[in-house]
Protein backbone atom coordinates (compact mmCIF):
# COMPACT_ATOMS: atom_id res chain seq x y z
CA MET A 1 -32.38 -11.42 -11.06
CA THR A 2 -29.22 -13.39 -10.38
CA LYS A 3 -26.93 -13.11 -13.39
CA ILE A 4 -24.60 -15.83 -14.59
CA SER A 5 -20.93 -15.30 -13.75
CA ASN A 6 -18.50 -14.46 -16.54
CA SER A 7 -16.58 -17.70 -16.03
CA ALA A 8 -19.72 -19.85 -16.14
CA TYR A 9 -20.94 -17.95 -19.21
CA GLU A 10 -17.68 -18.40 -21.10
CA ALA A 11 -17.51 -22.10 -20.23
CA GLU A 12 -21.08 -22.77 -21.35
CA LEU A 13 -20.69 -20.69 -24.50
CA ALA A 14 -17.56 -22.65 -25.41
CA ARG A 15 -19.46 -25.92 -24.92
CA LEU A 16 -22.37 -24.73 -27.04
CA GLN A 17 -20.08 -23.53 -29.81
CA ILE A 18 -18.57 -27.01 -30.02
CA GLU A 19 -22.11 -28.34 -30.47
CA LEU A 20 -22.74 -25.72 -33.16
CA VAL A 21 -19.72 -26.99 -35.07
CA LYS A 22 -21.11 -30.52 -34.78
CA LEU A 23 -24.39 -29.19 -36.16
CA GLN A 24 -22.51 -27.51 -38.99
CA GLU A 25 -20.76 -30.74 -39.97
CA TRP A 26 -24.03 -32.68 -39.79
CA VAL A 27 -25.68 -30.12 -42.07
CA ARG A 28 -22.80 -30.35 -44.53
CA HIS A 29 -22.84 -34.15 -44.42
CA THR A 30 -26.60 -34.59 -44.78
CA GLY A 31 -27.38 -31.71 -47.14
CA GLU A 32 -29.87 -30.19 -44.71
CA ARG A 33 -31.14 -26.67 -45.35
CA ILE A 34 -31.70 -24.43 -42.32
CA ALA A 35 -33.03 -20.86 -42.32
CA ILE A 36 -33.07 -18.94 -39.04
CA VAL A 37 -34.92 -15.63 -38.74
CA PHE A 38 -33.88 -13.13 -36.07
CA GLU A 39 -36.34 -10.35 -35.35
CA GLY A 40 -37.09 -8.15 -32.37
CA ARG A 41 -36.82 -4.72 -30.86
CA ASP A 42 -33.89 -2.45 -31.68
CA ALA A 43 -31.03 -3.07 -29.23
CA ALA A 44 -32.60 -6.35 -28.12
CA GLY A 45 -29.38 -8.33 -28.60
CA LYS A 46 -29.97 -10.06 -31.93
CA GLY A 47 -26.59 -9.10 -33.36
CA GLY A 48 -24.65 -10.27 -30.31
CA THR A 49 -26.37 -13.63 -30.36
CA ILE A 50 -25.78 -14.07 -34.09
CA LYS A 51 -22.11 -13.24 -33.57
CA ARG A 52 -21.74 -15.93 -30.89
CA ILE A 53 -23.46 -18.49 -33.11
CA THR A 54 -21.29 -17.84 -36.14
CA GLU A 55 -17.86 -17.02 -34.70
CA ALA A 56 -16.73 -20.67 -34.50
CA MET A 57 -18.48 -21.82 -37.68
CA ASN A 58 -17.42 -22.07 -41.30
CA PRO A 59 -18.68 -18.94 -43.11
CA ARG A 60 -19.10 -20.98 -46.29
CA ILE A 61 -21.69 -23.12 -44.52
CA CYS A 62 -23.23 -20.69 -42.02
CA GLN A 63 -23.91 -17.28 -43.58
CA VAL A 64 -25.57 -14.14 -42.26
CA VAL A 65 -27.94 -12.20 -44.52
CA ALA A 66 -28.61 -8.59 -43.50
CA LEU A 67 -30.17 -6.87 -46.50
CA PRO A 68 -30.16 -3.08 -46.91
CA ALA A 69 -33.22 -1.08 -47.87
CA PRO A 70 -34.69 -2.30 -51.17
CA THR A 71 -33.72 -0.63 -54.41
CA GLU A 72 -36.33 0.89 -56.70
CA ARG A 73 -36.18 -2.24 -58.84
CA GLU A 74 -36.65 -4.50 -55.83
CA LYS A 75 -39.62 -2.43 -54.71
CA SER A 76 -41.33 -3.34 -57.98
CA GLN A 77 -40.76 -7.09 -57.49
CA TRP A 78 -42.84 -9.65 -55.65
CA TYR A 79 -42.21 -8.73 -52.01
CA PHE A 80 -40.53 -12.02 -51.03
CA GLN A 81 -38.39 -12.19 -54.17
CA ARG A 82 -35.19 -10.66 -52.84
CA TYR A 83 -35.27 -12.89 -49.78
CA VAL A 84 -35.82 -16.07 -51.81
CA ALA A 85 -32.47 -15.50 -53.50
CA HIS A 86 -30.74 -15.95 -50.13
CA LEU A 87 -32.51 -19.09 -48.94
CA PRO A 88 -30.22 -22.02 -48.10
CA ALA A 89 -29.07 -24.61 -50.60
CA ALA A 90 -28.11 -28.12 -49.54
CA GLY A 91 -25.59 -28.12 -46.71
CA GLU A 92 -26.16 -24.48 -45.72
CA ILE A 93 -27.37 -22.57 -42.68
CA ILE A 94 -28.65 -19.07 -43.46
CA ILE A 95 -29.26 -16.58 -40.65
CA PHE A 96 -31.51 -13.65 -41.53
CA ASP A 97 -30.60 -10.61 -39.41
CA ARG A 98 -33.98 -9.00 -40.05
CA SER A 99 -36.05 -10.57 -42.78
CA TRP A 100 -39.27 -10.38 -44.76
CA TYR A 101 -40.89 -9.39 -41.47
CA ASN A 102 -39.73 -5.83 -42.09
CA ARG A 103 -43.10 -5.34 -43.74
CA ALA A 104 -44.97 -6.31 -40.57
CA GLY A 105 -42.73 -4.14 -38.39
CA VAL A 106 -40.82 -1.07 -39.49
CA GLU A 107 -42.62 -0.69 -42.84
CA ARG A 108 -46.01 -0.91 -41.13
CA VAL A 109 -45.18 1.48 -38.30
CA MET A 110 -43.24 4.02 -40.37
CA GLY A 111 -45.69 4.04 -43.26
CA PHE A 112 -43.24 2.63 -45.82
CA CYS A 113 -45.90 0.33 -47.26
CA THR A 114 -49.54 0.80 -48.14
CA GLU A 115 -52.39 -0.73 -46.19
CA HIS A 116 -53.04 -3.09 -49.11
CA GLU A 117 -49.38 -4.21 -49.18
CA TYR A 118 -49.45 -4.83 -45.43
CA ARG A 119 -52.68 -6.87 -45.56
CA GLU A 120 -51.40 -8.87 -48.52
CA PHE A 121 -48.22 -9.66 -46.59
CA MET A 122 -50.22 -10.93 -43.62
CA ARG A 123 -52.21 -13.21 -45.94
CA SER A 124 -49.22 -14.39 -47.96
CA CYS A 125 -46.54 -14.83 -45.30
CA PRO A 126 -47.99 -17.97 -43.62
CA GLU A 127 -48.42 -19.64 -47.02
CA PHE A 128 -44.93 -18.59 -48.09
CA GLU A 129 -43.45 -20.13 -44.95
CA ARG A 130 -45.50 -23.31 -45.29
CA MET A 131 -44.11 -23.68 -48.81
CA LEU A 132 -40.57 -23.31 -47.48
CA VAL A 133 -41.18 -25.97 -44.85
CA ARG A 134 -42.81 -28.33 -47.36
CA SER A 135 -39.78 -27.91 -49.62
CA GLY A 136 -37.58 -29.32 -46.85
CA ILE A 137 -36.18 -26.13 -45.34
CA ARG A 138 -36.04 -26.05 -41.56
CA LEU A 139 -37.40 -22.58 -40.80
CA ILE A 140 -36.78 -21.31 -37.26
CA LYS A 141 -37.98 -17.88 -36.08
CA TYR A 142 -36.78 -15.99 -33.01
CA TRP A 143 -38.20 -12.79 -31.56
CA PHE A 144 -35.92 -10.96 -29.12
CA SER A 145 -37.93 -9.18 -26.46
CA VAL A 146 -36.44 -6.37 -24.37
CA SER A 147 -38.11 -4.11 -21.83
CA ASP A 148 -38.62 -0.42 -22.45
CA GLU A 149 -36.24 0.46 -19.60
CA GLU A 150 -33.44 -1.84 -20.79
CA GLN A 151 -33.75 -0.69 -24.38
CA GLU A 152 -33.44 2.91 -23.24
CA ARG A 153 -30.33 2.05 -21.20
CA ARG A 154 -28.74 0.41 -24.24
CA PHE A 155 -29.64 3.34 -26.48
CA GLN A 156 -27.98 5.74 -24.06
CA LYS A 157 -24.86 3.57 -23.98
CA ARG A 158 -24.73 3.46 -27.76
CA ARG A 159 -25.08 7.24 -27.89
CA THR A 160 -21.85 7.78 -25.97
CA HIS A 161 -19.76 4.72 -26.90
CA PRO A 162 -17.41 5.47 -29.86
CA THR A 163 -17.61 1.92 -31.26
CA LYS A 164 -21.37 1.63 -30.92
CA ARG A 165 -22.69 4.97 -32.14
CA TRP A 166 -23.11 3.57 -35.66
CA LYS A 167 -25.76 1.22 -34.26
CA LEU A 168 -28.05 4.17 -33.57
CA SER A 169 -29.57 4.83 -36.97
CA PRO A 170 -32.16 7.54 -37.63
CA MET A 171 -34.71 4.72 -37.83
CA ASP A 172 -33.72 3.54 -34.34
CA LEU A 173 -34.16 7.02 -32.96
CA GLU A 174 -37.61 7.27 -34.52
CA SER A 175 -38.64 3.80 -33.26
CA ARG A 176 -37.71 4.94 -29.75
CA LYS A 177 -40.67 7.33 -29.91
CA ARG A 178 -43.07 4.63 -31.11
CA TRP A 179 -42.80 1.86 -28.53
CA VAL A 180 -46.56 1.27 -28.37
CA ASP A 181 -46.95 1.28 -32.17
CA TYR A 182 -44.23 -1.35 -32.51
CA SER A 183 -45.82 -3.39 -29.72
CA LYS A 184 -49.16 -3.40 -31.53
CA ALA A 185 -47.48 -4.30 -34.83
CA LYS A 186 -45.65 -7.22 -33.19
CA ASP A 187 -48.89 -8.50 -31.63
CA ASP A 188 -50.68 -8.38 -34.99
CA MET A 189 -47.72 -10.09 -36.66
CA PHE A 190 -47.77 -12.93 -34.14
CA ALA A 191 -51.51 -13.33 -34.53
CA HIS A 192 -51.13 -13.98 -38.25
CA THR A 193 -47.73 -15.70 -38.55
CA ASP A 194 -47.25 -17.79 -35.39
CA ILE A 195 -48.13 -20.94 -37.32
CA LYS A 196 -47.78 -24.59 -36.36
CA GLN A 197 -45.32 -25.31 -39.16
CA SER A 198 -43.06 -22.44 -38.10
CA PRO A 199 -43.89 -20.92 -34.70
CA TRP A 200 -42.31 -17.85 -33.15
CA TYR A 201 -39.93 -18.48 -30.26
CA VAL A 202 -39.57 -15.51 -27.91
CA VAL A 203 -36.19 -14.86 -26.30
CA GLU A 204 -36.23 -12.72 -23.16
CA SER A 205 -33.14 -10.54 -23.64
CA ASP A 206 -32.91 -8.04 -20.80
CA VAL A 207 -29.78 -9.98 -19.76
CA LYS A 208 -27.74 -10.44 -22.92
CA LYS A 209 -25.64 -13.37 -21.74
CA HIS A 210 -28.69 -15.30 -20.61
CA ALA A 211 -30.40 -14.59 -23.94
CA ARG A 212 -27.43 -15.85 -25.95
CA LEU A 213 -27.10 -19.10 -24.05
CA ASN A 214 -30.86 -19.70 -24.01
CA CYS A 215 -31.21 -19.07 -27.73
CA ILE A 216 -28.28 -21.26 -28.77
CA SER A 217 -29.36 -24.09 -26.46
CA HIS A 218 -32.89 -23.93 -27.83
CA LEU A 219 -31.69 -23.83 -31.44
CA LEU A 220 -29.61 -26.96 -30.91
CA SER A 221 -32.58 -28.71 -29.27
CA LEU A 222 -34.75 -28.17 -32.37
CA ILE A 223 -32.47 -30.01 -34.80
CA PRO A 224 -31.81 -33.77 -34.58
CA TYR A 225 -28.14 -33.43 -35.49
CA GLU A 226 -25.55 -36.07 -34.75
CA ASP A 227 -21.82 -35.98 -34.20
CA VAL A 228 -20.67 -36.97 -37.67
CA ALA A 229 -17.46 -38.95 -37.53
CA ALA A 230 -14.81 -36.83 -39.18
CA ASP A 231 -11.96 -38.26 -41.18
CA GLU A 232 -8.77 -38.41 -39.16
CA ILE A 233 -6.38 -35.62 -40.02
CA ILE A 234 -2.82 -36.85 -40.35
CA LEU A 235 -0.03 -34.31 -40.47
CA GLU A 236 2.78 -36.01 -42.31
CA GLU A 237 6.39 -34.97 -41.82
CA ARG A 238 7.26 -32.09 -44.06
CA PRO A 239 9.81 -32.91 -46.73
CA PRO A 240 13.20 -31.19 -46.57
CA GLN A 241 13.14 -27.73 -48.07
CA ARG A 242 15.86 -27.45 -50.70
CA GLY A 243 16.68 -24.88 -53.32
CA TYR A 244 15.06 -21.89 -51.60
CA VAL A 245 16.76 -18.85 -50.11
CA ARG A 246 14.57 -16.39 -48.26
CA PRO A 247 14.95 -12.77 -49.46
CA PRO A 248 16.63 -10.41 -47.01
CA MET A 249 14.17 -9.17 -44.39
CA ALA A 250 15.37 -5.63 -45.03
CA ASP A 251 13.84 -5.84 -48.50
CA GLN A 252 10.34 -6.31 -47.09
CA THR A 253 7.97 -3.84 -45.44
CA PHE A 254 6.77 -5.10 -42.05
CA VAL A 255 3.89 -3.88 -39.91
CA PRO A 256 5.28 -1.86 -36.97
CA ASP A 257 5.43 -3.81 -33.70
CA ALA A 258 3.06 -1.67 -31.62
CA HIS A 259 2.60 -4.57 -29.22
CA SER A 260 6.17 -4.26 -27.91
CA LYS A 261 5.51 -0.63 -26.96
CA LEU A 262 2.54 -1.70 -24.88
CA ILE A 263 4.66 -4.28 -23.06
CA LYS A 264 7.30 -1.66 -22.22
CA ALA A 265 4.60 0.69 -20.93
CA GLN A 266 3.32 -1.86 -18.38
């Protein structure tokens, strides 16, 4: 496969991020509510894509929800309850980095839920999502697909990279042994929850840069946003500063200038 060049990738990503900011302002202006679900294999590139979507956006408008394992109290609640608390209000975009689909994936495969709980989820989930859509929430679901070979390559890189080792959780290591089980669970999940009101969109992610651009482009194509005319920002001349004397710099504690050492070492 011919991969996109770094320069072309950076240029297109910059263009798409400008469009994402336009989307953000349209959402804020119109009071739209958007919920985006990111699911997929471990190391499939969900986090990298989410990062590129959010890095130019206002975190008060576009928020990422990545819930930890449920507490004992949450385990006793209606299954969807803890996710409902994070659904978007007017003028918000909420990105779920993993979601209620944990029950159809990791909980199913690892035996963290009973057969009855799993079957009830499969019955309830489509109705739950139809209710969200009827309430006016735009619900968009992405599944990141990665090949067995590419996932293994990424796992090996995470194992040795000092800034990525934290990404290899005990659950990831266990899932590595259960590729077929997770494949079957995903197929069953799609069979029950790939509904007309909220279909699954599959992102091929063996090439991360392609996956990011494809996903962002597709996301923008799903929402009829417009470039909302922003109020002109006028920077008036600052008034003269009188009656203030800056304290001596020697009285303050400054961060050491490590950057200058790097310049001298060049």
